[in-house]
Amino acid sequence: PEFQGKGIAQKAIRLCEELHGSGNWELDTILQEQKNCYLYEKMG
């Protein structure tokens, strides 16, 4: 919690995509948590 909202998750996703390839990904999140939906949509 004390590190949320600082862009860390976005950077972690980019690193995962570098390691495992940039295509063919899936995930799910809580529809009611708009900040999560925004993050993933921002990441493509």
PDB file of all heavy atoms in Angstrom:
ATOM      1  N   PRO A   1       0.789  -1.242   0.000  1.00  0.00           N
ATOM      2  CA  PRO A   1       0.000   0.000   0.000  1.00  0.00           C
ATOM      3  C   PRO A   1       0.820   1.290   0.000  1.00  0.00           C
ATOM      4  O   PRO A   1       0.485   2.230  -0.730  1.00  0.00           O
ATOM      5  CB  PRO A   1      -0.844  -0.116   1.280  1.00  0.00           C
ATOM      6  CG  PRO A   1      -0.976  -1.585   1.501  1.00  0.00           C
ATOM      7  CD  PRO A   1       0.313  -2.188   1.022  1.00  0.00           C
ATOM      8  N   GLU A   2       1.891   1.352   0.774  1.00  0.00           N
ATOM      9  CA  GLU A   2       2.655   2.600   0.863  1.00  0.00           C
ATOM     10  C   GLU A   2       3.435   2.929  -0.407  1.00  0.00           C
ATOM     11  O   GLU A   2       3.934   4.042  -0.565  1.00  0.00           O
ATOM     12  CB  GLU A   2       3.600   2.585   2.079  1.00  0.00           C
ATOM     13  CG  GLU A   2       4.656   1.507   2.037  1.00  0.00           C
ATOM     14  CD  GLU A   2       4.240   0.212   2.739  1.00  0.00           C
ATOM     15  OE1 GLU A   2       3.027  -0.112   2.778  1.00  0.00           O
ATOM     16  OE2 GLU A   2       5.138  -0.483   3.230  1.00  0.00           O
ATOM     17  N   PHE A   3       3.498   1.996  -1.359  1.00  0.00           N
ATOM     18  CA  PHE A   3       4.222   2.222  -2.608  1.00  0.00           C
ATOM     19  C   PHE A   3       3.291   2.307  -3.817  1.00  0.00           C
ATOM     20  O   PHE A   3       3.753   2.482  -4.944  1.00  0.00           O
ATOM     21  CB  PHE A   3       5.258   1.111  -2.826  1.00  0.00           C
ATOM     22  CG  PHE A   3       6.314   1.082  -1.763  1.00  0.00           C
ATOM     23  CD1 PHE A   3       6.223   0.187  -0.711  1.00  0.00           C
ATOM     24  CD2 PHE A   3       7.377   1.969  -1.790  1.00  0.00           C
ATOM     25  CE1 PHE A   3       7.182   0.160   0.282  1.00  0.00           C
ATOM     26  CE2 PHE A   3       8.352   1.954  -0.808  1.00  0.00           C
ATOM     27  CZ  PHE A   3       8.254   1.046   0.234  1.00  0.00           C
ATOM     28  N   GLN A   4       1.993   2.183  -3.605  1.00  0.00           N
ATOM     29  CA  GLN A   4       1.037   2.226  -4.708  1.00  0.00           C
ATOM     30  C   GLN A   4       0.915   3.648  -5.259  1.00  0.00           C
ATOM     31  O   GLN A   4       1.148   4.619  -4.552  1.00  0.00           O
ATOM     32  CB  GLN A   4      -0.325   1.718  -4.239  1.00  0.00           C
ATOM     33  CG  GLN A   4      -0.313   0.248  -3.910  1.00  0.00           C
ATOM     34  CD  GLN A   4      -1.620  -0.270  -3.334  1.00  0.00           C
ATOM     35  OE1 GLN A   4      -2.608   0.442  -3.268  1.00  0.00           O
ATOM     36  NE2 GLN A   4      -1.612  -1.528  -2.917  1.00  0.00           N
ATOM     37  N   GLY A   5       0.550   3.734  -6.530  1.00  0.00           N
ATOM     38  CA  GLY A   5       0.333   5.037  -7.160  1.00  0.00           C
ATOM     39  C   GLY A   5       1.605   5.744  -7.582  1.00  0.00           C
ATOM     40  O   GLY A   5       1.580   6.933  -7.883  1.00  0.00           O
ATOM     41  N   LYS A   6       2.723   5.032  -7.653  1.00  0.00           N
ATOM     42  CA  LYS A   6       4.009   5.638  -8.014  1.00  0.00           C
ATOM     43  C   LYS A   6       4.539   5.144  -9.358  1.00  0.00           C
ATOM     44  O   LYS A   6       5.680   5.395  -9.707  1.00  0.00           O
ATOM     45  CB  LYS A   6       5.036   5.363  -6.916  1.00  0.00           C
ATOM     46  CG  LYS A   6       4.645   5.919  -5.559  1.00  0.00           C
ATOM     47  CD  LYS A   6       5.687   5.568  -4.507  1.00  0.00           C
ATOM     48  CE  LYS A   6       5.294   5.986  -3.116  1.00  0.00           C
ATOM     49  NZ  LYS A   6       4.974   7.382  -2.939  1.00  0.00           N
ATOM     50  N   GLY A   7       3.732   4.389 -10.106  1.00  0.00           N
ATOM     51  CA  GLY A   7       4.162   3.886 -11.406  1.00  0.00           C
ATOM     52  C   GLY A   7       4.979   2.604 -11.346  1.00  0.00           C
ATOM     53  O   GLY A   7       5.497   2.146 -12.357  1.00  0.00           O
ATOM     54  N   ILE A   8       5.082   2.009 -10.174  1.00  0.00           N
ATOM     55  CA  ILE A   8       5.904   0.809 -10.005  1.00  0.00           C
ATOM     56  C   ILE A   8       5.297  -0.387 -10.733  1.00  0.00           C
ATOM     57  O   ILE A   8       6.006  -1.144 -11.397  1.00  0.00           O
ATOM     58  CB  ILE A   8       6.117   0.507  -8.501  1.00  0.00           C
ATOM     59  CG1 ILE A   8       6.880   1.661  -7.859  1.00  0.00           C
ATOM     60  CG2 ILE A   8       6.836  -0.819  -8.305  1.00  0.00           C
ATOM     61  CD1 ILE A   8       6.912   1.629  -6.337  1.00  0.00           C
ATOM     62  N   ALA A   9       3.990  -0.559 -10.638  1.00  0.00           N
ATOM     63  CA  ALA A   9       3.332  -1.689 -11.304  1.00  0.00           C
ATOM     64  C   ALA A   9       3.531  -1.609 -12.818  1.00  0.00           C
ATOM     65  O   ALA A   9       3.788  -2.625 -13.477  1.00  0.00           O
ATOM     66  CB  ALA A   9       1.847  -1.722 -10.962  1.00  0.00           C
ATOM     67  N   GLN A  10       3.419  -0.426 -13.371  1.00  0.00           N
ATOM     68  CA  GLN A  10       3.623  -0.224 -14.807  1.00  0.00           C
ATOM     69  C   GLN A  10       5.027  -0.672 -15.205  1.00  0.00           C
ATOM     70  O   GLN A  10       5.212  -1.372 -16.196  1.00  0.00           O
ATOM     71  CB  GLN A  10       3.403   1.249 -15.128  1.00  0.00           C
ATOM     72  CG  GLN A  10       3.567   1.607 -16.573  1.00  0.00           C
ATOM     73  CD  GLN A  10       3.282   3.072 -16.817  1.00  0.00           C
ATOM     74  OE1 GLN A  10       2.524   3.713 -16.114  1.00  0.00           O
ATOM     75  NE2 GLN A  10       3.900   3.614 -17.844  1.00  0.00           N
ATOM     76  N   LYS A  11       6.017  -0.292 -14.428  1.00  0.00           N
ATOM     77  CA  LYS A  11       7.398  -0.675 -14.731  1.00  0.00           C
ATOM     78  C   LYS A  11       7.586  -2.178 -14.583  1.00  0.00           C
ATOM     79  O   LYS A  11       8.282  -2.806 -15.390  1.00  0.00           O
ATOM     80  CB  LYS A  11       8.352   0.095 -13.822  1.00  0.00           C
ATOM     81  CG  LYS A  11       8.344   1.584 -14.105  1.00  0.00           C
ATOM     82  CD  LYS A  11       9.158   2.360 -13.100  1.00  0.00           C
ATOM     83  CE  LYS A  11       9.003   3.861 -13.332  1.00  0.00           C
ATOM     84  NZ  LYS A  11       9.777   4.644 -12.377  1.00  0.00           N
ATOM     85  N   ALA A  12       6.940  -2.766 -13.589  1.00  0.00           N
ATOM     86  CA  ALA A  12       7.050  -4.219 -13.387  1.00  0.00           C
ATOM     87  C   ALA A  12       6.434  -4.975 -14.567  1.00  0.00           C
ATOM     88  O   ALA A  12       6.994  -5.980 -15.022  1.00  0.00           O
ATOM     89  CB  ALA A  12       6.379  -4.612 -12.072  1.00  0.00           C
ATOM     90  N   ILE A  13       5.318  -4.495 -15.077  1.00  0.00           N
ATOM     91  CA  ILE A  13       4.686  -5.136 -16.233  1.00  0.00           C
ATOM     92  C   ILE A  13       5.613  -5.066 -17.438  1.00  0.00           C
ATOM     93  O   ILE A  13       5.800  -6.049 -18.160  1.00  0.00           O
ATOM     94  CB  ILE A  13       3.317  -4.501 -16.542  1.00  0.00           C
ATOM     95  CG1 ILE A  13       2.313  -4.832 -15.428  1.00  0.00           C
ATOM     96  CG2 ILE A  13       2.784  -4.973 -17.903  1.00  0.00           C
ATOM     97  CD1 ILE A  13       1.022  -4.035 -15.495  1.00  0.00           C
ATOM     98  N   ARG A  14       6.220  -3.921 -17.657  1.00  0.00           N
ATOM     99  CA  ARG A  14       7.155  -3.787 -18.785  1.00  0.00           C
ATOM    100  C   ARG A  14       8.309  -4.775 -18.650  1.00  0.00           C
ATOM    101  O   ARG A  14       8.733  -5.382 -19.630  1.00  0.00           O
ATOM    102  CB  ARG A  14       7.695  -2.362 -18.866  1.00  0.00           C
ATOM    103  CG  ARG A  14       6.702  -1.397 -19.445  1.00  0.00           C
ATOM    104  CD  ARG A  14       7.371  -0.078 -19.821  1.00  0.00           C
ATOM    105  NE  ARG A  14       6.379   0.837 -20.314  1.00  0.00           N
ATOM    106  CZ  ARG A  14       6.128   2.030 -19.786  1.00  0.00           C
ATOM    107  NH1 ARG A  14       6.807   2.448 -18.742  1.00  0.00           N
ATOM    108  NH2 ARG A  14       5.205   2.807 -20.298  1.00  0.00           N
ATOM    109  N   LEU A  15       8.820  -4.922 -17.446  1.00  0.00           N
ATOM    110  CA  LEU A  15       9.918  -5.870 -17.221  1.00  0.00           C
ATOM    111  C   LEU A  15       9.462  -7.305 -17.499  1.00  0.00           C
ATOM    112  O   LEU A  15      10.189  -8.085 -18.112  1.00  0.00           O
ATOM    113  CB  LEU A  15      10.459  -5.743 -15.801  1.00  0.00           C
ATOM    114  CG  LEU A  15      11.315  -4.511 -15.531  1.00  0.00           C
ATOM    115  CD1 LEU A  15      11.565  -4.358 -14.033  1.00  0.00           C
ATOM    116  CD2 LEU A  15      12.629  -4.576 -16.285  1.00  0.00           C
ATOM    117  N   CYS A  16       8.263  -7.658 -17.053  1.00  0.00           N
ATOM    118  CA  CYS A  16       7.730  -9.000 -17.320  1.00  0.00           C
ATOM    119  C   CYS A  16       7.618  -9.241 -18.812  1.00  0.00           C
ATOM    120  O   CYS A  16       7.964 -10.326 -19.309  1.00  0.00           O
ATOM    121  CB  CYS A  16       6.366  -9.183 -16.657  1.00  0.00           C
ATOM    122  SG  CYS A  16       6.419  -9.300 -14.867  1.00  0.00           S
ATOM    123  N   GLU A  17       7.159  -8.240 -19.537  1.00  0.00           N
ATOM    124  CA  GLU A  17       7.004  -8.368 -20.982  1.00  0.00           C
ATOM    125  C   GLU A  17       8.362  -8.467 -21.675  1.00  0.00           C
ATOM    126  O   GLU A  17       8.504  -9.161 -22.673  1.00  0.00           O
ATOM    127  CB  GLU A  17       6.177  -7.215 -21.529  1.00  0.00           C
ATOM    128  CG  GLU A  17       4.728  -7.297 -21.102  1.00  0.00           C
ATOM    129  CD  GLU A  17       3.884  -6.108 -21.523  1.00  0.00           C
ATOM    130  OE1 GLU A  17       4.443  -5.108 -22.040  1.00  0.00           O
ATOM    131  OE2 GLU A  17       2.658  -6.168 -21.332  1.00  0.00           O
ATOM    132  N   GLU A  18       9.370  -7.793 -21.153  1.00  0.00           N
ATOM    133  CA  GLU A  18      10.721  -7.931 -21.698  1.00  0.00           C
ATOM    134  C   GLU A  18      11.241  -9.349 -21.486  1.00  0.00           C
ATOM    135  O   GLU A  18      11.887  -9.925 -22.365  1.00  0.00           O
ATOM    136  CB  GLU A  18      11.674  -6.931 -21.040  1.00  0.00           C
ATOM    137  CG  GLU A  18      11.501  -5.507 -21.516  1.00  0.00           C
ATOM    138  CD  GLU A  18      12.420  -4.540 -20.784  1.00  0.00           C
ATOM    139  OE1 GLU A  18      13.466  -4.973 -20.260  1.00  0.00           O
ATOM    140  OE2 GLU A  18      12.078  -3.342 -20.736  1.00  0.00           O
ATOM    141  N   LEU A  19      10.971  -9.911 -20.337  1.00  0.00           N
ATOM    142  CA  LEU A  19      11.468 -11.242 -19.999  1.00  0.00           C
ATOM    143  C   LEU A  19      10.740 -12.363 -20.727  1.00  0.00           C
ATOM    144  O   LEU A  19      11.349 -13.362 -21.105  1.00  0.00           O
ATOM    145  CB  LEU A  19      11.326 -11.484 -18.491  1.00  0.00           C
ATOM    146  CG  LEU A  19      12.251 -10.692 -17.592  1.00  0.00           C
ATOM    147  CD1 LEU A  19      11.815 -10.832 -16.141  1.00  0.00           C
ATOM    148  CD2 LEU A  19      13.672 -11.181 -17.770  1.00  0.00           C
ATOM    149  N   HIS A  20       9.435 -12.218 -20.874  1.00  0.00           N
ATOM    150  CA  HIS A  20       8.604 -13.315 -21.378  1.00  0.00           C
ATOM    151  C   HIS A  20       7.994 -13.044 -22.755  1.00  0.00           C
ATOM    152  O   HIS A  20       7.220 -13.865 -23.239  1.00  0.00           O
ATOM    153  CB  HIS A  20       7.501 -13.633 -20.356  1.00  0.00           C
ATOM    154  CG  HIS A  20       8.032 -14.148 -19.070  1.00  0.00           C
ATOM    155  ND1 HIS A  20       8.308 -15.485 -18.866  1.00  0.00           N
ATOM    156  CD2 HIS A  20       8.373 -13.507 -17.919  1.00  0.00           C
ATOM    157  CE1 HIS A  20       8.784 -15.645 -17.626  1.00  0.00           C
ATOM    158  NE2 HIS A  20       8.824 -14.460 -17.048  1.00  0.00           N
ATOM    159  N   GLY A  21       8.326 -11.915 -23.355  1.00  0.00           N
ATOM    160  CA  GLY A  21       7.787 -11.582 -24.670  1.00  0.00           C
ATOM    161  C   GLY A  21       6.650 -10.584 -24.566  1.00  0.00           C
ATOM    162  O   GLY A  21       5.870 -10.610 -23.613  1.00  0.00           O
ATOM    163  N   SER A  22       6.547  -9.730 -25.562  1.00  0.00           N
ATOM    164  CA  SER A  22       5.590  -8.618 -25.467  1.00  0.00           C
ATOM    165  C   SER A  22       4.173  -8.975 -25.882  1.00  0.00           C
ATOM    166  O   SER A  22       3.243  -8.235 -25.601  1.00  0.00           O
ATOM    167  CB  SER A  22       6.083  -7.436 -26.302  1.00  0.00           C
ATOM    168  OG  SER A  22       6.209  -7.833 -27.654  1.00  0.00           O
ATOM    169  N   GLY A  23       3.963 -10.117 -26.535  1.00  0.00           N
ATOM    170  CA  GLY A  23       2.621 -10.466 -26.997  1.00  0.00           C
ATOM    171  C   GLY A  23       2.041 -11.657 -26.270  1.00  0.00           C
ATOM    172  O   GLY A  23       2.725 -12.355 -25.535  1.00  0.00           O
ATOM    173  N   ASN A  24       0.751 -11.862 -26.491  1.00  0.00           N
ATOM    174  CA  ASN A  24       0.021 -13.007 -25.937  1.00  0.00           C
ATOM    175  C   ASN A  24      -0.017 -13.003 -24.405  1.00  0.00           C
ATOM    176  O   ASN A  24       0.439 -13.947 -23.763  1.00  0.00           O
ATOM    177  CB  ASN A  24       0.618 -14.329 -26.447  1.00  0.00           C
ATOM    178  CG  ASN A  24       0.429 -14.515 -27.925  1.00  0.00           C
ATOM    179  OD1 ASN A  24       0.771 -13.640 -28.705  1.00  0.00           O
ATOM    180  ND2 ASN A  24      -0.120 -15.629 -28.328  1.00  0.00           N
ATOM    181  N   TRP A  25      -0.616 -11.989 -23.860  1.00  0.00           N
ATOM    182  CA  TRP A  25      -0.773 -11.871 -22.405  1.00  0.00           C
ATOM    183  C   TRP A  25      -2.248 -11.847 -22.052  1.00  0.00           C
ATOM    184  O   TRP A  25      -3.082 -11.388 -22.832  1.00  0.00           O
ATOM    185  CB  TRP A  25      -0.120 -10.585 -21.897  1.00  0.00           C
ATOM    186  CG  TRP A  25       1.368 -10.667 -21.875  1.00  0.00           C
ATOM    187  CD1 TRP A  25       2.227 -10.335 -22.889  1.00  0.00           C
ATOM    188  CD2 TRP A  25       2.186 -11.105 -20.795  1.00  0.00           C
ATOM    189  NE1 TRP A  25       3.517 -10.541 -22.495  1.00  0.00           N
ATOM    190  CE2 TRP A  25       3.528 -11.013 -21.217  1.00  0.00           C
ATOM    191  CE3 TRP A  25       1.913 -11.567 -19.511  1.00  0.00           C
ATOM    192  CZ2 TRP A  25       4.593 -11.370 -20.390  1.00  0.00           C
ATOM    193  CZ3 TRP A  25       2.980 -11.918 -18.692  1.00  0.00           C
ATOM    194  CH2 TRP A  25       4.302 -11.824 -19.143  1.00  0.00           C
ATOM    195  N   GLU A  26      -2.563 -12.274 -20.828  1.00  0.00           N
ATOM    196  CA  GLU A  26      -3.915 -12.154 -20.299  1.00  0.00           C
ATOM    197  C   GLU A  26      -3.838 -11.877 -18.800  1.00  0.00           C
ATOM    198  O   GLU A  26      -2.835 -12.177 -18.143  1.00  0.00           O
ATOM    199  CB  GLU A  26      -4.745 -13.407 -20.567  1.00  0.00           C
ATOM    200  CG  GLU A  26      -4.242 -14.649 -19.883  1.00  0.00           C
ATOM    201  CD  GLU A  26      -5.054 -15.878 -20.233  1.00  0.00           C
ATOM    202  OE1 GLU A  26      -5.347 -16.096 -21.425  1.00  0.00           O
ATOM    203  OE2 GLU A  26      -5.391 -16.614 -19.293  1.00  0.00           O
ATOM    204  N   LEU A  27      -4.904 -11.313 -18.294  1.00  0.00           N
ATOM    205  CA  LEU A  27      -5.028 -11.041 -16.869  1.00  0.00           C
ATOM    206  C   LEU A  27      -6.473 -10.679 -16.582  1.00  0.00           C
ATOM    207  O   LEU A  27      -7.273 -10.504 -17.495  1.00  0.00           O
ATOM    208  CB  LEU A  27      -4.081  -9.909 -16.427  1.00  0.00           C
ATOM    209  CG  LEU A  27      -4.188  -8.556 -17.138  1.00  0.00           C
ATOM    210  CD1 LEU A  27      -5.284  -7.694 -16.542  1.00  0.00           C
ATOM    211  CD2 LEU A  27      -2.868  -7.827 -17.062  1.00  0.00           C
ATOM    212  N   ASP A  28      -6.795 -10.604 -15.316  1.00  0.00           N
ATOM    213  CA  ASP A  28      -8.102 -10.091 -14.928  1.00  0.00           C
ATOM    214  C   ASP A  28      -7.918  -9.175 -13.733  1.00  0.00           C
ATOM    215  O   ASP A  28      -6.916  -9.235 -13.038  1.00  0.00           O
ATOM    216  CB  ASP A  28      -9.099 -11.219 -14.629  1.00  0.00           C
ATOM    217  CG  ASP A  28      -8.637 -12.144 -13.532  1.00  0.00           C
ATOM    218  OD1 ASP A  28      -8.736 -11.772 -12.340  1.00  0.00           O
ATOM    219  OD2 ASP A  28      -8.177 -13.262 -13.860  1.00  0.00           O
ATOM    220  N   THR A  29      -8.897  -8.302 -13.549  1.00  0.00           N
ATOM    221  CA  THR A  29      -8.867  -7.373 -12.436  1.00  0.00           C
ATOM    222  C   THR A  29     -10.295  -7.033 -12.044  1.00  0.00           C
ATOM    223  O   THR A  29     -11.251  -7.471 -12.673  1.00  0.00           O
ATOM    224  CB  THR A  29      -8.054  -6.104 -12.790  1.00  0.00           C
ATOM    225  OG1 THR A  29      -7.772  -5.365 -11.580  1.00  0.00           O
ATOM    226  CG2 THR A  29      -8.781  -5.209 -13.776  1.00  0.00           C
ATOM    227  N   ILE A  30     -10.420  -6.252 -11.024  1.00  0.00           N
ATOM    228  CA  ILE A  30     -11.731  -5.860 -10.505  1.00  0.00           C
ATOM    229  C   ILE A  30     -12.282  -4.695 -11.333  1.00  0.00           C
ATOM    230  O   ILE A  30     -11.655  -3.631 -11.400  1.00  0.00           O
ATOM    231  CB  ILE A  30     -11.635  -5.469  -9.016  1.00  0.00           C
ATOM    232  CG1 ILE A  30     -11.120  -6.654  -8.194  1.00  0.00           C
ATOM    233  CG2 ILE A  30     -12.972  -4.966  -8.493  1.00  0.00           C
ATOM    234  CD1 ILE A  30     -10.751  -6.306  -6.759  1.00  0.00           C
ATOM    235  N   LEU A  31     -13.413  -4.904 -11.950  1.00  0.00           N
ATOM    236  CA  LEU A  31     -14.041  -3.879 -12.787  1.00  0.00           C
ATOM    237  C   LEU A  31     -14.271  -2.583 -12.012  1.00  0.00           C
ATOM    238  O   LEU A  31     -14.084  -1.494 -12.542  1.00  0.00           O
ATOM    239  CB  LEU A  31     -15.371  -4.408 -13.340  1.00  0.00           C
ATOM    240  CG  LEU A  31     -16.178  -3.442 -14.194  1.00  0.00           C
ATOM    241  CD1 LEU A  31     -15.433  -3.092 -15.480  1.00  0.00           C
ATOM    242  CD2 LEU A  31     -17.547  -4.039 -14.513  1.00  0.00           C
ATOM    243  N   GLN A  32     -14.643  -2.695 -10.748  1.00  0.00           N
ATOM    244  CA  GLN A  32     -14.962  -1.525  -9.934  1.00  0.00           C
ATOM    245  C   GLN A  32     -13.722  -0.727  -9.523  1.00  0.00           C
ATOM    246  O   GLN A  32     -13.846   0.399  -9.056  1.00  0.00           O
ATOM    247  CB  GLN A  32     -15.740  -1.951  -8.682  1.00  0.00           C
ATOM    248  CG  GLN A  32     -17.137  -2.452  -8.967  1.00  0.00           C
ATOM    249  CD  GLN A  32     -17.200  -3.902  -9.442  1.00  0.00           C
ATOM    250  OE1 GLN A  32     -16.203  -4.587  -9.602  1.00  0.00           O
ATOM    251  NE2 GLN A  32     -18.418  -4.388  -9.692  1.00  0.00           N
ATOM    252  N   GLU A  33     -12.533  -1.282  -9.708  1.00  0.00           N
ATOM    253  CA  GLU A  33     -11.287  -0.580  -9.384  1.00  0.00           C
ATOM    254  C   GLU A  33     -10.758   0.089 -10.654  1.00  0.00           C
ATOM    255  O   GLU A  33      -9.923  -0.457 -11.370  1.00  0.00           O
ATOM    256  CB  GLU A  33     -10.258  -1.549  -8.790  1.00  0.00           C
ATOM    257  CG  GLU A  33     -10.614  -2.055  -7.415  1.00  0.00           C
ATOM    258  CD  GLU A  33     -10.680  -0.953  -6.369  1.00  0.00           C
ATOM    259  OE1 GLU A  33      -9.741  -0.127  -6.293  1.00  0.00           O
ATOM    260  OE2 GLU A  33     -11.685  -0.913  -5.617  1.00  0.00           O
ATOM    261  N   GLN A  34     -11.273   1.275 -10.926  1.00  0.00           N
ATOM    262  CA  GLN A  34     -10.969   1.964 -12.174  1.00  0.00           C
ATOM    263  C   GLN A  34      -9.477   2.258 -12.349  1.00  0.00           C
ATOM    264  O   GLN A  34      -8.978   2.262 -13.468  1.00  0.00           O
ATOM    265  CB  GLN A  34     -11.794   3.248 -12.284  1.00  0.00           C
ATOM    266  CG  GLN A  34     -13.258   2.977 -12.551  1.00  0.00           C
ATOM    267  CD  GLN A  34     -13.473   2.142 -13.809  1.00  0.00           C
ATOM    268  OE1 GLN A  34     -13.064   2.522 -14.895  1.00  0.00           O
ATOM    269  NE2 GLN A  34     -14.088   0.972 -13.656  1.00  0.00           N
ATOM    270  N   LYS A  35      -8.748   2.479 -11.259  1.00  0.00           N
ATOM    271  CA  LYS A  35      -7.309   2.748 -11.397  1.00  0.00           C
ATOM    272  C   LYS A  35      -6.578   1.514 -11.929  1.00  0.00           C
ATOM    273  O   LYS A  35      -5.635   1.640 -12.705  1.00  0.00           O
ATOM    274  CB  LYS A  35      -6.703   3.226 -10.078  1.00  0.00           C
ATOM    275  CG  LYS A  35      -6.731   2.189  -8.980  1.00  0.00           C
ATOM    276  CD  LYS A  35      -6.159   2.711  -7.669  1.00  0.00           C
ATOM    277  CE  LYS A  35      -6.078   1.551  -6.715  1.00  0.00           C
ATOM    278  NZ  LYS A  35      -6.471   1.682  -5.435  1.00  0.00           N
ATOM    279  N   ASN A  36      -7.038   0.321 -11.557  1.00  0.00           N
ATOM    280  CA  ASN A  36      -6.436  -0.900 -12.090  1.00  0.00           C
ATOM    281  C   ASN A  36      -6.762  -1.049 -13.578  1.00  0.00           C
ATOM    282  O   ASN A  36      -5.887  -1.357 -14.387  1.00  0.00           O
ATOM    283  CB  ASN A  36      -6.933  -2.130 -11.332  1.00  0.00           C
ATOM    284  CG  ASN A  36      -6.416  -2.202  -9.918  1.00  0.00           C
ATOM    285  OD1 ASN A  36      -5.614  -1.383  -9.487  1.00  0.00           O
ATOM    286  ND2 ASN A  36      -6.889  -3.187  -9.180  1.00  0.00           N
ATOM    287  N   CYS A  37      -8.022  -0.837 -13.923  1.00  0.00           N
ATOM    288  CA  CYS A  37      -8.429  -0.927 -15.330  1.00  0.00           C
ATOM    289  C   CYS A  37      -7.654   0.086 -16.169  1.00  0.00           C
ATOM    290  O   CYS A  37      -7.160  -0.241 -17.262  1.00  0.00           O
ATOM    291  CB  CYS A  37      -9.928  -0.697 -15.468  1.00  0.00           C
ATOM    292  SG  CYS A  37     -10.936  -1.968 -14.663  1.00  0.00           S
ATOM    293  N   TYR A  38      -7.503   1.286 -15.657  1.00  0.00           N
ATOM    294  CA  TYR A  38      -6.762   2.328 -16.367  1.00  0.00           C
ATOM    295  C   TYR A  38      -5.311   1.906 -16.583  1.00  0.00           C
ATOM    296  O   TYR A  38      -4.753   2.072 -17.677  1.00  0.00           O
ATOM    297  CB  TYR A  38      -6.829   3.648 -15.592  1.00  0.00           C
ATOM    298  CG  TYR A  38      -5.984   4.732 -16.203  1.00  0.00           C
ATOM    299  CD1 TYR A  38      -6.413   5.400 -17.355  1.00  0.00           C
ATOM    300  CD2 TYR A  38      -4.755   5.079 -15.662  1.00  0.00           C
ATOM    301  CE1 TYR A  38      -5.635   6.389 -17.944  1.00  0.00           C
ATOM    302  CE2 TYR A  38      -3.968   6.066 -16.246  1.00  0.00           C
ATOM    303  CZ  TYR A  38      -4.410   6.710 -17.381  1.00  0.00           C
ATOM    304  OH  TYR A  38      -3.637   7.682 -17.964  1.00  0.00           O
ATOM    305  N   LEU A  39      -4.687   1.347 -15.551  1.00  0.00           N
ATOM    306  CA  LEU A  39      -3.297   0.897 -15.661  1.00  0.00           C
ATOM    307  C   LEU A  39      -3.146  -0.102 -16.803  1.00  0.00           C
ATOM    308  O   LEU A  39      -2.292   0.060 -17.682  1.00  0.00           O
ATOM    309  CB  LEU A  39      -2.830   0.259 -14.345  1.00  0.00           C
ATOM    310  CG  LEU A  39      -1.556  -0.581 -14.431  1.00  0.00           C
ATOM    311  CD1 LEU A  39      -0.337   0.285 -14.708  1.00  0.00           C
ATOM    312  CD2 LEU A  39      -1.369  -1.396 -13.171  1.00  0.00           C
ATOM    313  N   TYR A  40      -3.966  -1.137 -16.802  1.00  0.00           N
ATOM    314  CA  TYR A  40      -3.825  -2.179 -17.814  1.00  0.00           C
ATOM    315  C   TYR A  40      -4.137  -1.665 -19.208  1.00  0.00           C
ATOM    316  O   TYR A  40      -3.456  -2.008 -20.174  1.00  0.00           O
ATOM    317  CB  TYR A  40      -4.679  -3.394 -17.449  1.00  0.00           C
ATOM    318  CG  TYR A  40      -4.226  -4.029 -16.158  1.00  0.00           C
ATOM    319  CD1 TYR A  40      -5.107  -4.241 -15.114  1.00  0.00           C
ATOM    320  CD2 TYR A  40      -2.898  -4.409 -15.973  1.00  0.00           C
ATOM    321  CE1 TYR A  40      -4.688  -4.816 -13.919  1.00  0.00           C
ATOM    322  CE2 TYR A  40      -2.467  -4.980 -14.787  1.00  0.00           C
ATOM    323  CZ  TYR A  40      -3.367  -5.182 -13.760  1.00  0.00           C
ATOM    324  OH  TYR A  40      -2.945  -5.742 -12.592  1.00  0.00           O
ATOM    325  N   GLU A  41      -5.141  -0.809 -19.326  1.00  0.00           N
ATOM    326  CA  GLU A  41      -5.476  -0.253 -20.630  1.00  0.00           C
ATOM    327  C   GLU A  41      -4.360   0.658 -21.131  1.00  0.00           C
ATOM    328  O   GLU A  41      -4.017   0.653 -22.314  1.00  0.00           O
ATOM    329  CB  GLU A  41      -6.827   0.451 -20.567  1.00  0.00           C
ATOM    330  CG  GLU A  41      -7.956  -0.560 -20.406  1.00  0.00           C
ATOM    331  CD  GLU A  41      -9.315   0.027 -20.078  1.00  0.00           C
ATOM    332  OE1 GLU A  41      -9.493   1.271 -20.194  1.00  0.00           O
ATOM    333  OE2 GLU A  41     -10.216  -0.757 -19.701  1.00  0.00           O
ATOM    334  N   LYS A  42      -3.755   1.404 -20.223  1.00  0.00           N
ATOM    335  CA  LYS A  42      -2.614   2.254 -20.556  1.00  0.00           C
ATOM    336  C   LYS A  42      -1.436   1.416 -21.056  1.00  0.00           C
ATOM    337  O   LYS A  42      -0.675   1.842 -21.918  1.00  0.00           O
ATOM    338  CB  LYS A  42      -2.209   3.050 -19.307  1.00  0.00           C
ATOM    339  CG  LYS A  42      -1.055   3.975 -19.468  1.00  0.00           C
ATOM    340  CD  LYS A  42      -0.836   4.731 -18.164  1.00  0.00           C
ATOM    341  CE  LYS A  42       0.470   5.449 -18.129  1.00  0.00           C
ATOM    342  NZ  LYS A  42       0.670   6.148 -16.854  1.00  0.00           N
ATOM    343  N   MET A  43      -1.316   0.192 -20.545  1.00  0.00           N
ATOM    344  CA  MET A  43      -0.219  -0.712 -20.915  1.00  0.00           C
ATOM    345  C   MET A  43      -0.531  -1.496 -22.197  1.00  0.00           C
ATOM    346  O   MET A  43       0.243  -2.346 -22.606  1.00  0.00           O
ATOM    347  CB  MET A  43       0.063  -1.698 -19.778  1.00  0.00           C
ATOM    348  CG  MET A  43       0.491  -1.060 -18.473  1.00  0.00           C
ATOM    349  SD  MET A  43       2.033  -0.161 -18.584  1.00  0.00           S
ATOM    350  CE  MET A  43       3.152  -1.420 -19.093  1.00  0.00           C
ATOM    351  N   GLY A  44      -1.682  -1.215 -22.817  1.00  0.00           N
ATOM    352  CA  GLY A  44      -2.020  -1.855 -24.087  1.00  0.00           C
ATOM    353  C   GLY A  44      -2.932  -3.054 -23.980  1.00  0.00           C
ATOM    354  O   GLY A  44      -3.218  -3.721 -24.979  1.00  0.00           O
TER     355      GLY A  44
END
